[in-house]
PDB file of N, CA and C in Angstrom:
ATOM      1  N   MET A   1       0.303  10.397  -6.765  1.00  0.00           N
ATOM      2  CA  MET A   1      -1.026  10.002  -6.368  1.00  0.00           C
ATOM      3  C   MET A   1      -1.158  10.248  -4.860  1.00  0.00           C
ATOM      4  N   SER A   2      -2.260  10.826  -4.472  1.00  0.00           N
ATOM      5  CA  SER A   2      -2.469  11.081  -3.047  1.00  0.00           C
ATOM      6  C   SER A   2      -2.932   9.810  -2.333  1.00  0.00           C
ATOM      7  N   GLN A   3      -2.806   9.815  -1.020  1.00  0.00           N
ATOM      8  CA  GLN A   3      -3.304   8.681  -0.238  1.00  0.00           C
ATOM      9  C   GLN A   3      -4.805   8.520  -0.438  1.00  0.00           C
ATOM     10  N   GLN A   4      -5.531   9.625  -0.533  1.00  0.00           N
ATOM     11  CA  GLN A   4      -6.986   9.536  -0.716  1.00  0.00           C
ATOM     12  C   GLN A   4      -7.329   8.921  -2.068  1.00  0.00           C
ATOM     13  N   GLU A   5      -6.597   9.289  -3.112  1.00  0.00           N
ATOM     14  CA  GLU A   5      -6.833   8.691  -4.435  1.00  0.00           C
ATOM     15  C   GLU A   5      -6.537   7.196  -4.405  1.00  0.00           C
ATOM     16  N   LEU A   6      -5.438   6.830  -3.764  1.00  0.00           N
ATOM     17  CA  LEU A   6      -5.081   5.418  -3.648  1.00  0.00           C
ATOM     18  C   LEU A   6      -6.118   4.670  -2.819  1.00  0.00           C
ATOM     19  N   SER A   7      -6.612   5.308  -1.788  1.00  0.00           N
ATOM     20  CA  SER A   7      -7.672   4.717  -0.969  1.00  0.00           C
ATOM     21  C   SER A   7      -8.915   4.444  -1.806  1.00  0.00           C
ATOM     22  N   ASN A   8      -9.291   5.408  -2.629  1.00  0.00           N
ATOM     23  CA  ASN A   8     -10.474   5.251  -3.487  1.00  0.00           C
ATOM     24  C   ASN A   8     -10.315   4.086  -4.461  1.00  0.00           C
ATOM     25  N   ILE A   9      -9.110   3.903  -4.971  1.00  0.00           N
ATOM     26  CA  ILE A   9      -8.850   2.841  -5.944  1.00  0.00           C
ATOM     27  C   ILE A   9      -8.805   1.469  -5.282  1.00  0.00           C
ATOM     28  N   THR A  10      -8.154   1.381  -4.120  1.00  0.00           N
ATOM     29  CA  THR A  10      -7.900   0.077  -3.496  1.00  0.00           C
ATOM     30  C   THR A  10      -8.932  -0.345  -2.462  1.00  0.00           C
ATOM     31  N   GLY A  11      -9.653   0.626  -1.901  1.00  0.00           N
ATOM     32  CA  GLY A  11     -10.579   0.301  -0.818  1.00  0.00           C
ATOM     33  C   GLY A  11      -9.892   0.216   0.530  1.00  0.00           C
ATOM     34  N   ILE A  12      -8.606   0.565   0.580  1.00  0.00           N
ATOM     35  CA  ILE A  12      -7.861   0.603   1.834  1.00  0.00           C
ATOM     36  C   ILE A  12      -8.029   2.015   2.385  1.00  0.00           C
ATOM     37  N   THR A  13      -8.358   2.133   3.664  1.00  0.00           N
ATOM     38  CA  THR A  13      -8.618   3.459   4.205  1.00  0.00           C
ATOM     39  C   THR A  13      -7.381   4.347   4.121  1.00  0.00           C
ATOM     40  N   GLN A  14      -7.620   5.649   4.041  1.00  0.00           N
ATOM     41  CA  GLN A  14      -6.527   6.609   3.974  1.00  0.00           C
ATOM     42  C   GLN A  14      -5.687   6.529   5.236  1.00  0.00           C
ATOM     43  N   GLY A  15      -6.321   6.331   6.383  1.00  0.00           N
ATOM     44  CA  GLY A  15      -5.589   6.197   7.642  1.00  0.00           C
ATOM     45  C   GLY A  15      -4.662   4.999   7.632  1.00  0.00           C
ATOM     46  N   SER A  16      -5.133   3.894   7.092  1.00  0.00           N
ATOM     47  CA  SER A  16      -4.289   2.689   6.994  1.00  0.00           C
ATOM     48  C   SER A  16      -3.105   2.937   6.072  1.00  0.00           C
ATOM     49  N   LEU A  17      -3.353   3.606   4.959  1.00  0.00           N
ATOM     50  CA  LEU A  17      -2.266   3.916   4.030  1.00  0.00           C
ATOM     51  C   LEU A  17      -1.233   4.819   4.695  1.00  0.00           C
ATOM     52  N   SER A  18      -1.702   5.781   5.468  1.00  0.00           N
ATOM     53  CA  SER A  18      -0.798   6.683   6.174  1.00  0.00           C
ATOM     54  C   SER A  18       0.078   5.914   7.156  1.00  0.00           C
ATOM     55  N   ARG A  19      -0.527   5.001   7.911  1.00  0.00           N
ATOM     56  CA  ARG A  19       0.245   4.200   8.868  1.00  0.00           C
ATOM     57  C   ARG A  19       1.260   3.313   8.145  1.00  0.00           C
ATOM     58  N   MET A  20       0.856   2.720   7.030  1.00  0.00           N
ATOM     59  CA  MET A  20       1.774   1.870   6.271  1.00  0.00           C
ATOM     60  C   MET A  20       2.968   2.668   5.783  1.00  0.00           C
ATOM     61  N   GLU A  21       2.705   3.895   5.369  1.00  0.00           N
ATOM     62  CA  GLU A  21       3.756   4.736   4.824  1.00  0.00           C
ATOM     63  C   GLU A  21       4.750   5.178   5.903  1.00  0.00           C
ATOM     64  N   SER A  22       4.259   5.383   7.105  1.00  0.00           N
ATOM     65  CA  SER A  22       5.112   5.927   8.155  1.00  0.00           C
ATOM     66  C   SER A  22       5.720   4.873   9.076  1.00  0.00           C
ATOM     67  N   GLN A  23       5.236   3.641   9.015  1.00  0.00           N
ATOM     68  CA  GLN A  23       5.734   2.593   9.894  1.00  0.00           C
ATOM     69  C   GLN A  23       6.328   1.463   9.074  1.00  0.00           C
ATOM     70  N   ASN A  24       7.349   0.837   9.612  1.00  0.00           N
ATOM     71  CA  ASN A  24       7.957  -0.320   8.967  1.00  0.00           C
ATOM     72  C   ASN A  24       7.385  -1.572   9.619  1.00  0.00           C
ATOM     73  N   SER A  25       6.368  -2.150   9.005  1.00  0.00           N
ATOM     74  CA  SER A  25       5.740  -3.333   9.579  1.00  0.00           C
ATOM     75  C   SER A  25       5.367  -4.313   8.478  1.00  0.00           C
ATOM     76  N   LYS A  26       4.940  -5.493   8.875  1.00  0.00           N
ATOM     77  CA  LYS A  26       4.521  -6.527   7.929  1.00  0.00           C
ATOM     78  C   LYS A  26       3.121  -6.209   7.406  1.00  0.00           C
ATOM     79  N   TYR A  27       2.884  -6.557   6.164  1.00  0.00           N
ATOM     80  CA  TYR A  27       1.587  -6.306   5.537  1.00  0.00           C
ATOM     81  C   TYR A  27       0.991  -7.610   5.046  1.00  0.00           C
ATOM     82  N   GLN A  28      -0.307  -7.650   5.025  1.00  0.00           N
ATOM     83  CA  GLN A  28      -0.971  -8.832   4.500  1.00  0.00           C
ATOM     84  C   GLN A  28      -0.748  -8.900   2.994  1.00  0.00           C
ATOM     85  N   GLU A  29      -0.630 -10.095   2.499  1.00  0.00           N
ATOM     86  CA  GLU A  29      -0.385 -10.299   1.072  1.00  0.00           C
ATOM     87  C   GLU A  29      -1.479  -9.664   0.215  1.00  0.00           C
ATOM     88  N   ALA A  30      -2.728  -9.768   0.642  1.00  0.00           N
ATOM     89  CA  ALA A  30      -3.843  -9.190  -0.123  1.00  0.00           C
ATOM     90  C   ALA A  30      -3.717  -7.675  -0.211  1.00  0.00           C
ATOM     91  N   THR A  31      -3.257  -7.049   0.851  1.00  0.00           N
ATOM     92  CA  THR A  31      -3.079  -5.597   0.849  1.00  0.00           C
ATOM     93  C   THR A  31      -1.975  -5.201  -0.117  1.00  0.00           C
ATOM     94  N   LEU A  32      -0.860  -5.899  -0.068  1.00  0.00           N
ATOM     95  CA  LEU A  32       0.231  -5.621  -0.993  1.00  0.00           C
ATOM     96  C   LEU A  32      -0.200  -5.828  -2.436  1.00  0.00           C
ATOM     97  N   GLU A  33      -0.995  -6.839  -2.677  1.00  0.00           N
ATOM     98  CA  GLU A  33      -1.479  -7.114  -4.028  1.00  0.00           C
ATOM     99  C   GLU A  33      -2.348  -5.966  -4.534  1.00  0.00           C
ATOM    100  N   LYS A  34      -3.274  -5.487  -3.708  1.00  0.00           N
ATOM    101  CA  LYS A  34      -4.127  -4.360  -4.100  1.00  0.00           C
ATOM    102  C   LYS A  34      -3.292  -3.132  -4.428  1.00  0.00           C
ATOM    103  N   LEU A  35      -2.326  -2.842  -3.564  1.00  0.00           N
ATOM    104  CA  LEU A  35      -1.475  -1.680  -3.789  1.00  0.00           C
ATOM    105  C   LEU A  35      -0.617  -1.836  -5.046  1.00  0.00           C
ATOM    106  N   SER A  36      -0.069  -3.018  -5.243  1.00  0.00           N
ATOM    107  CA  SER A  36       0.795  -3.229  -6.408  1.00  0.00           C
ATOM    108  C   SER A  36       0.024  -3.095  -7.710  1.00  0.00           C
ATOM    109  N   VAL A  37      -1.202  -3.579  -7.734  1.00  0.00           N
ATOM    110  CA  VAL A  37      -2.030  -3.450  -8.936  1.00  0.00           C
ATOM    111  C   VAL A  37      -2.346  -1.974  -9.196  1.00  0.00           C
ATOM    112  N   ALA A  38      -2.746  -1.262  -8.149  1.00  0.00           N
ATOM    113  CA  ALA A  38      -3.110   0.146  -8.291  1.00  0.00           C
ATOM    114  C   ALA A  38      -1.923   0.995  -8.739  1.00  0.00           C
ATOM    115  N   LEU A  39      -0.726   0.643  -8.268  1.00  0.00           N
ATOM    116  CA  LEU A  39       0.470   1.432  -8.568  1.00  0.00           C
ATOM    117  C   LEU A  39       1.274   0.878  -9.743  1.00  0.00           C
ATOM    118  N   ASN A  40       0.835  -0.266 -10.284  1.00  0.00           N
ATOM    119  CA  ASN A  40       1.492  -0.903 -11.418  1.00  0.00           C
ATOM    120  C   ASN A  40       2.963  -1.229 -11.119  1.00  0.00           C
ATOM    121  N   VAL A  41       3.182  -1.827  -9.955  1.00  0.00           N
ATOM    122  CA  VAL A  41       4.511  -2.283  -9.543  1.00  0.00           C
ATOM    123  C   VAL A  41       4.366  -3.676  -8.945  1.00  0.00           C
ATOM    124  N   SER A  42       5.474  -4.349  -8.746  1.00  0.00           N
ATOM    125  CA  SER A  42       5.416  -5.662  -8.101  1.00  0.00           C
ATOM    126  C   SER A  42       5.275  -5.479  -6.592  1.00  0.00           C
ATOM    127  N   PRO A  43       4.664  -6.448  -5.904  1.00  0.00           N
ATOM    128  CA  PRO A  43       4.571  -6.353  -4.444  1.00  0.00           C
ATOM    129  C   PRO A  43       5.944  -6.207  -3.773  1.00  0.00           C
ATOM    130  N   GLU A  44       6.942  -6.836  -4.351  1.00  0.00           N
ATOM    131  CA  GLU A  44       8.289  -6.758  -3.788  1.00  0.00           C
ATOM    132  C   GLU A  44       8.826  -5.333  -3.779  1.00  0.00           C
ATOM    133  N   GLN A  45       8.435  -4.539  -4.770  1.00  0.00           N
ATOM    134  CA  GLN A  45       8.894  -3.169  -4.847  1.00  0.00           C
ATOM    135  C   GLN A  45       8.296  -2.298  -3.740  1.00  0.00           C
ATOM    136  N   LEU A  46       7.214  -2.757  -3.154  1.00  0.00           N
ATOM    137  CA  LEU A  46       6.552  -1.984  -2.096  1.00  0.00           C
ATOM    138  C   LEU A  46       7.120  -2.264  -0.711  1.00  0.00           C
ATOM    139  N   VAL A  47       7.900  -3.325  -0.598  1.00  0.00           N
ATOM    140  CA  VAL A  47       8.409  -3.743   0.718  1.00  0.00           C
ATOM    141  C   VAL A  47       9.885  -3.403   0.813  1.00  0.00           C
ATOM    142  N   ASP A  48      10.219  -2.688   1.873  1.00  0.00           N
ATOM    143  CA  ASP A  48      11.617  -2.339   2.128  1.00  0.00           C
ATOM    144  C   ASP A  48      12.169  -3.364   3.103  1.00  0.00           C
ATOM    145  N   ASP A  49      13.046  -4.222   2.625  1.00  0.00           N
ATOM    146  CA  ASP A  49      13.565  -5.312   3.450  1.00  0.00           C
ATOM    147  C   ASP A  49      14.846  -4.951   4.203  1.00  0.00           C
ATOM    148  N   GLU A  50      15.155  -3.693   4.346  1.00  0.00           N
ATOM    149  CA  GLU A  50      16.384  -3.294   5.044  1.00  0.00           C
ATOM    150  C   GLU A  50      16.295  -3.579   6.512  1.00  0.00           C
TER     151      GLU A  50
END
């Protein structure tokens, strides 16, 4: 799935998705929830705790 497709589904801008993908930072719970629903994964699977 492209960032633009994910943006269309979640309402999160493509630029924000790009920054999330390239940076290791904290995310708001609501954002993780939107992404997890769209990608059919748990929020925990989206966070790299290394």
